[in-house]
Amino acid sequence: VAALGSAGDAGMEQVVEKSHSNILQLLSSFEEEGVSVKGGMLQLRSLLAELSSYDEDATLPPNISDDVLSRILTSVLEEDTSLADVTLYFKFLLRSKALALQSSPSQTFTKIMKSAADAHPRIFSEMVLEFVVGSASFNAAQLELFRKVVRVKELSRSLPELLQRVTLVKDWNEHHVVVMQQIISLSSDLIDEQTLSETCSQMRIKREVFSSSLHFAKLINTIAQKFPKEARVNREKLLEALEINTTFFGKTATSKLTSL
């Protein structure tokens, strides 16, 4: 039985490796100049077919060039591509690239992300943004990308889910706090009371880590400004979160909450 299990595992690994190799080969074909429209359609269909059978938890190399991603996106948006295939492209290609980002995103990659968000905001948010902002290793480069992309008007309805995703991160860093502040500042009446209440609870729990954080104080002040009714309900939590904040803005936010 053990031998059969080992043989099965080895066979599965070979299938995954073959699929991985096929995908990389198809991706490289998009780098070729002078490919006909028909040829481009065939490449796209072959790529999507391979991605559809790819391992759910597998990731592709993040060093796919921006030009290749741009060409594929153009094909995806121009052809009558199903939402399931759009999801595959966002999940395996855009997400992999965004999660691996360590330096400022290029103008081309930023444009790709904005175009994707504009065309399919819900899928883009669920397949890409939620994973990026929900990462424990969320960094400055990813924050820069997020701040440029999240202003796409069509993403406004996804803001509550994005806030929920960040709130659930076990250990926030300063970049998570900045993201939450931006999400709330861009929101109108879309974020429900329960989501804000959970965010406030987490701020109270995590207050010691951000005792000297200006952004943490700004986040609380933004909640008080944008959602005064909810801030009044959660005032004790927010005041506790600010108790040990040593920044000048912490005193400003405390005064704002006290006056509600």
Protein backbone atom coordinates (compact mmCIF):
# COMPACT_ATOMS: atom_id res chain seq x y z
CA VAL A 1 0.00 0.00 0.00
CA ALA A 2 2.83 2.36 0.92
CA ALA A 3 4.55 1.56 -2.36
CA LEU A 4 1.36 2.29 -4.29
CA GLY A 5 0.96 5.56 -2.39
CA SER A 6 4.53 6.60 -3.19
CA ALA A 7 4.05 5.73 -6.85
CA GLY A 8 0.83 7.77 -6.92
CA ASP A 9 2.54 10.78 -5.34
CA ALA A 10 5.41 10.57 -7.80
CA GLY A 11 2.99 10.37 -10.71
CA MET A 12 1.09 13.41 -9.44
CA GLU A 13 4.34 15.37 -9.08
CA GLN A 14 5.22 14.55 -12.68
CA VAL A 15 1.82 15.78 -13.84
CA VAL A 16 2.22 19.05 -11.90
CA GLU A 17 5.75 19.55 -13.23
CA LYS A 18 4.58 18.94 -16.79
CA SER A 19 1.69 21.38 -16.36
CA HIS A 20 4.07 23.93 -14.86
CA SER A 21 6.46 23.53 -17.78
CA ASN A 22 3.62 23.87 -20.30
CA ILE A 23 2.40 27.07 -18.67
CA LEU A 24 5.87 28.62 -18.68
CA GLN A 25 6.28 27.70 -22.34
CA LEU A 26 2.93 29.27 -23.21
CA LEU A 27 3.80 32.41 -21.26
CA SER A 28 7.07 32.74 -23.18
CA SER A 29 5.13 32.50 -26.46
CA PHE A 30 3.46 35.82 -25.62
CA GLU A 31 6.90 37.45 -25.81
CA GLU A 32 7.14 36.66 -29.51
CA GLU A 33 6.59 39.59 -31.84
CA GLY A 34 4.30 39.48 -34.84
CA VAL A 35 1.90 36.84 -33.55
CA SER A 36 -1.35 36.96 -35.55
CA VAL A 37 -4.70 37.66 -33.91
CA LYS A 38 -5.71 34.05 -34.50
CA GLY A 39 -2.41 32.83 -33.08
CA GLY A 40 -2.86 35.02 -30.03
CA MET A 41 -6.33 33.58 -29.43
CA LEU A 42 -4.98 30.04 -29.62
CA GLN A 43 -2.19 30.90 -27.19
CA LEU A 44 -4.70 32.39 -24.75
CA ARG A 45 -7.03 29.39 -24.93
CA SER A 46 -4.15 26.98 -24.43
CA LEU A 47 -2.86 28.97 -21.45
CA LEU A 48 -6.26 29.15 -19.79
CA ALA A 49 -6.78 25.42 -20.37
CA GLU A 50 -3.51 24.65 -18.57
CA LEU A 51 -4.31 27.03 -15.72
CA SER A 52 -7.72 25.42 -15.23
CA SER A 53 -6.07 22.12 -14.31
CA TYR A 54 -3.22 23.68 -12.31
CA ASP A 55 -2.77 22.87 -8.64
CA GLU A 56 -5.05 25.07 -6.50
CA ASP A 57 -2.25 26.05 -4.12
CA ALA A 58 0.55 26.30 -6.67
CA THR A 59 2.18 29.59 -7.60
CA LEU A 60 3.87 30.68 -10.78
CA PRO A 61 7.21 32.46 -10.97
CA PRO A 62 6.68 36.18 -10.22
CA ASN A 63 9.27 37.22 -12.81
CA ILE A 64 6.77 37.15 -15.67
CA SER A 65 7.42 40.35 -17.57
CA ASP A 66 4.97 43.22 -17.44
CA ASP A 67 4.76 43.20 -21.23
CA VAL A 68 3.62 39.57 -21.23
CA LEU A 69 1.03 40.26 -18.53
CA SER A 70 -0.19 43.27 -20.51
CA ARG A 71 -0.56 41.26 -23.72
CA ILE A 72 -2.44 38.49 -21.97
CA LEU A 73 -4.75 40.98 -20.24
CA THR A 74 -5.49 42.66 -23.55
CA SER A 75 -6.43 39.29 -25.01
CA VAL A 76 -8.51 38.39 -21.96
CA LEU A 77 -10.47 41.64 -22.14
CA GLU A 78 -10.86 41.73 -25.92
CA GLU A 79 -11.97 38.12 -26.38
CA ASP A 80 -15.25 36.69 -25.17
CA THR A 81 -13.51 35.25 -22.12
CA SER A 82 -15.61 33.58 -19.45
CA LEU A 83 -15.56 34.85 -15.87
CA ALA A 84 -14.05 31.52 -14.84
CA ASP A 85 -11.10 32.11 -17.19
CA VAL A 86 -10.74 35.72 -16.06
CA THR A 87 -10.52 34.37 -12.51
CA LEU A 88 -7.70 32.01 -13.52
CA TYR A 89 -5.67 34.87 -15.00
CA PHE A 90 -6.15 37.08 -11.94
CA LYS A 91 -5.48 34.25 -9.51
CA PHE A 92 -2.37 32.65 -10.97
CA LEU A 93 -0.70 35.55 -12.79
CA LEU A 94 -1.65 38.91 -11.28
CA ARG A 95 -1.79 37.62 -7.71
CA SER A 96 1.58 35.85 -7.98
CA LYS A 97 3.21 39.02 -9.30
CA ALA A 98 1.61 41.27 -6.68
CA LEU A 99 2.45 38.99 -3.73
CA ALA A 100 6.11 38.86 -4.80
CA LEU A 101 6.44 42.65 -5.19
CA GLN A 102 9.42 43.99 -3.24
CA SER A 103 10.08 47.33 -4.95
CA SER A 104 7.94 50.12 -6.37
CA PRO A 105 5.58 48.76 -9.04
CA SER A 106 6.32 49.80 -12.60
CA GLN A 107 3.95 52.10 -14.44
CA THR A 108 3.08 49.22 -16.77
CA PHE A 109 2.18 46.85 -13.92
CA THR A 110 0.16 49.56 -12.18
CA LYS A 111 -1.73 50.19 -15.41
CA ILE A 112 -2.39 46.45 -15.80
CA MET A 113 -3.80 46.26 -12.28
CA LYS A 114 -6.01 49.32 -12.78
CA SER A 115 -7.34 47.97 -16.08
CA ALA A 116 -8.10 44.61 -14.49
CA ALA A 117 -9.84 46.28 -11.55
CA ASP A 118 -11.87 48.50 -13.87
CA ALA A 119 -13.00 45.59 -16.05
CA HIS A 120 -13.79 43.02 -13.35
CA PRO A 121 -13.74 44.75 -9.94
CA ARG A 122 -15.33 41.99 -7.88
CA ILE A 123 -13.14 39.19 -9.21
CA PHE A 124 -10.05 41.39 -9.02
CA SER A 125 -10.72 42.28 -5.40
CA GLU A 126 -11.43 38.69 -4.34
CA MET A 127 -8.61 37.05 -6.30
CA VAL A 128 -5.88 39.67 -5.95
CA LEU A 129 -6.38 42.55 -3.51
CA GLU A 130 -7.78 40.53 -0.62
CA PHE A 131 -4.79 38.19 -0.72
CA VAL A 132 -2.29 41.04 -0.95
CA VAL A 133 -3.63 43.16 1.92
CA GLY A 134 -4.36 40.02 3.94
CA SER A 135 -0.76 38.85 3.77
CA ALA A 136 1.20 38.85 7.03
CA SER A 137 4.21 40.12 5.07
CA PHE A 138 2.35 43.02 3.43
CA ASN A 139 5.10 45.51 2.52
CA ALA A 140 5.72 49.10 1.41
CA ALA A 141 5.81 48.25 -2.31
CA GLN A 142 2.48 46.43 -2.10
CA LEU A 143 1.03 49.33 -0.13
CA GLU A 144 2.14 51.73 -2.86
CA LEU A 145 0.43 49.57 -5.47
CA PHE A 146 -2.74 49.28 -3.40
CA ARG A 147 -3.00 53.04 -2.88
CA LYS A 148 -2.82 53.59 -6.63
CA VAL A 149 -5.26 50.86 -7.58
CA VAL A 150 -7.92 51.17 -4.88
CA ARG A 151 -9.03 54.55 -6.22
CA VAL A 152 -10.52 52.83 -9.26
CA LYS A 153 -14.17 53.83 -8.85
CA GLU A 154 -15.52 50.35 -9.59
CA LEU A 155 -13.74 48.93 -6.52
CA SER A 156 -15.80 50.99 -4.07
CA ARG A 157 -18.26 48.16 -3.40
CA SER A 158 -15.39 45.85 -2.44
CA LEU A 159 -14.09 48.11 0.33
CA PRO A 160 -16.03 46.40 3.18
CA GLU A 161 -14.61 42.98 2.27
CA LEU A 162 -11.12 44.43 2.01
CA LEU A 163 -11.43 45.96 5.49
CA GLN A 164 -12.64 42.63 6.87
CA ARG A 165 -9.70 40.84 5.31
CA VAL A 166 -7.13 43.21 6.82
CA THR A 167 -8.85 43.16 10.22
CA LEU A 168 -8.46 39.36 10.32
CA VAL A 169 -4.67 39.51 9.90
CA LYS A 170 -3.22 38.18 13.14
CA ASP A 171 -0.24 40.52 13.41
CA TRP A 172 -0.75 43.91 11.80
CA ASN A 173 2.19 45.97 10.64
CA GLU A 174 2.22 49.69 9.91
CA HIS A 175 1.26 49.08 6.27
CA HIS A 176 -1.91 47.25 7.30
CA VAL A 177 -2.89 50.25 9.42
CA VAL A 178 -2.35 52.64 6.50
CA VAL A 179 -4.49 50.42 4.25
CA MET A 180 -7.35 50.43 6.75
CA GLN A 181 -7.15 54.19 7.08
CA GLN A 182 -7.35 54.60 3.31
CA ILE A 183 -10.21 52.13 2.96
CA ILE A 184 -12.25 53.95 5.59
CA SER A 185 -11.43 57.38 4.17
CA LEU A 186 -12.68 56.25 0.74
CA SER A 187 -15.83 54.61 2.10
CA SER A 188 -19.16 56.34 2.41
CA ASP A 189 -21.96 54.28 3.91
CA LEU A 190 -20.84 50.92 2.58
CA ILE A 191 -19.09 49.59 5.68
CA ASP A 192 -21.50 48.01 8.14
CA GLU A 193 -21.52 48.52 11.89
CA GLN A 194 -20.41 44.96 12.69
CA THR A 195 -17.31 45.21 10.51
CA LEU A 196 -16.31 48.52 12.08
CA SER A 197 -16.97 47.15 15.55
CA GLU A 198 -14.62 44.21 14.93
CA THR A 199 -11.96 46.56 13.56
CA CYS A 200 -12.27 48.71 16.70
CA SER A 201 -11.99 45.63 18.92
CA GLN A 202 -8.79 44.57 17.17
CA MET A 203 -7.33 48.06 17.56
CA ARG A 204 -7.90 47.87 21.29
CA ILE A 205 -6.21 44.45 21.43
CA LYS A 206 -3.24 45.54 19.30
CA ARG A 207 -2.76 49.01 20.84
CA GLU A 208 0.59 48.28 22.52
CA VAL A 209 2.28 47.50 19.21
CA PHE A 210 1.21 50.91 17.85
CA SER A 211 1.78 53.07 20.91
CA SER A 212 4.03 55.42 18.93
CA SER A 213 2.27 55.09 15.58
CA LEU A 214 0.95 58.24 13.97
CA HIS A 215 -0.93 56.17 11.37
CA PHE A 216 -2.73 54.24 14.10
CA ALA A 217 -4.00 57.49 15.62
CA LYS A 218 -4.98 58.77 12.16
CA LEU A 219 -6.96 55.58 11.54
CA ILE A 220 -9.01 56.13 14.70
CA ASN A 221 -9.51 59.80 13.90
CA THR A 222 -10.71 58.87 10.39
CA ILE A 223 -13.27 56.45 11.86
CA ALA A 224 -14.54 59.23 14.14
CA GLN A 225 -14.83 61.63 11.21
CA LYS A 226 -16.35 59.32 8.61
CA PHE A 227 -18.55 57.20 10.86
CA PRO A 228 -19.42 59.27 13.96
CA LYS A 229 -22.44 57.14 14.87
CA GLU A 230 -20.44 53.91 14.85
CA ALA A 231 -17.50 55.63 16.57
CA ARG A 232 -19.84 56.74 19.37
CA VAL A 233 -21.03 53.14 19.85
CA ASN A 234 -17.40 51.92 19.96
CA ARG A 235 -16.00 54.95 21.78
CA GLU A 236 -14.72 53.04 24.83
CA LYS A 237 -12.79 50.61 22.63
CA LEU A 238 -11.24 53.43 20.62
CA LEU A 239 -10.34 55.47 23.69
CA GLU A 240 -8.64 52.41 25.19
CA ALA A 241 -6.77 51.90 21.92
CA LEU A 242 -5.46 55.46 22.23
CA GLU A 243 -4.63 55.38 25.95
CA ILE A 244 -0.93 54.65 25.42
CA ASN A 245 -0.51 56.33 22.04
CA THR A 246 2.18 58.96 22.50
CA THR A 247 1.72 60.89 19.25
CA PHE A 248 0.27 64.38 19.00
CA PHE A 249 -2.38 63.03 16.64
CA GLY A 250 -3.37 60.55 19.35
CA LYS A 251 -4.39 63.48 21.54
CA THR A 252 -6.33 64.99 18.62
CA ALA A 253 -8.19 61.73 18.02
CA THR A 254 -8.95 61.40 21.75
CA SER A 255 -10.46 64.88 21.80
CA LYS A 256 -12.52 64.07 18.73
CA LEU A 257 -13.90 60.90 20.31
CA THR A 258 -14.63 62.63 23.61
CA SER A 259 -16.66 65.29 21.82
CA LEU A 260 -18.92 62.83 20.00
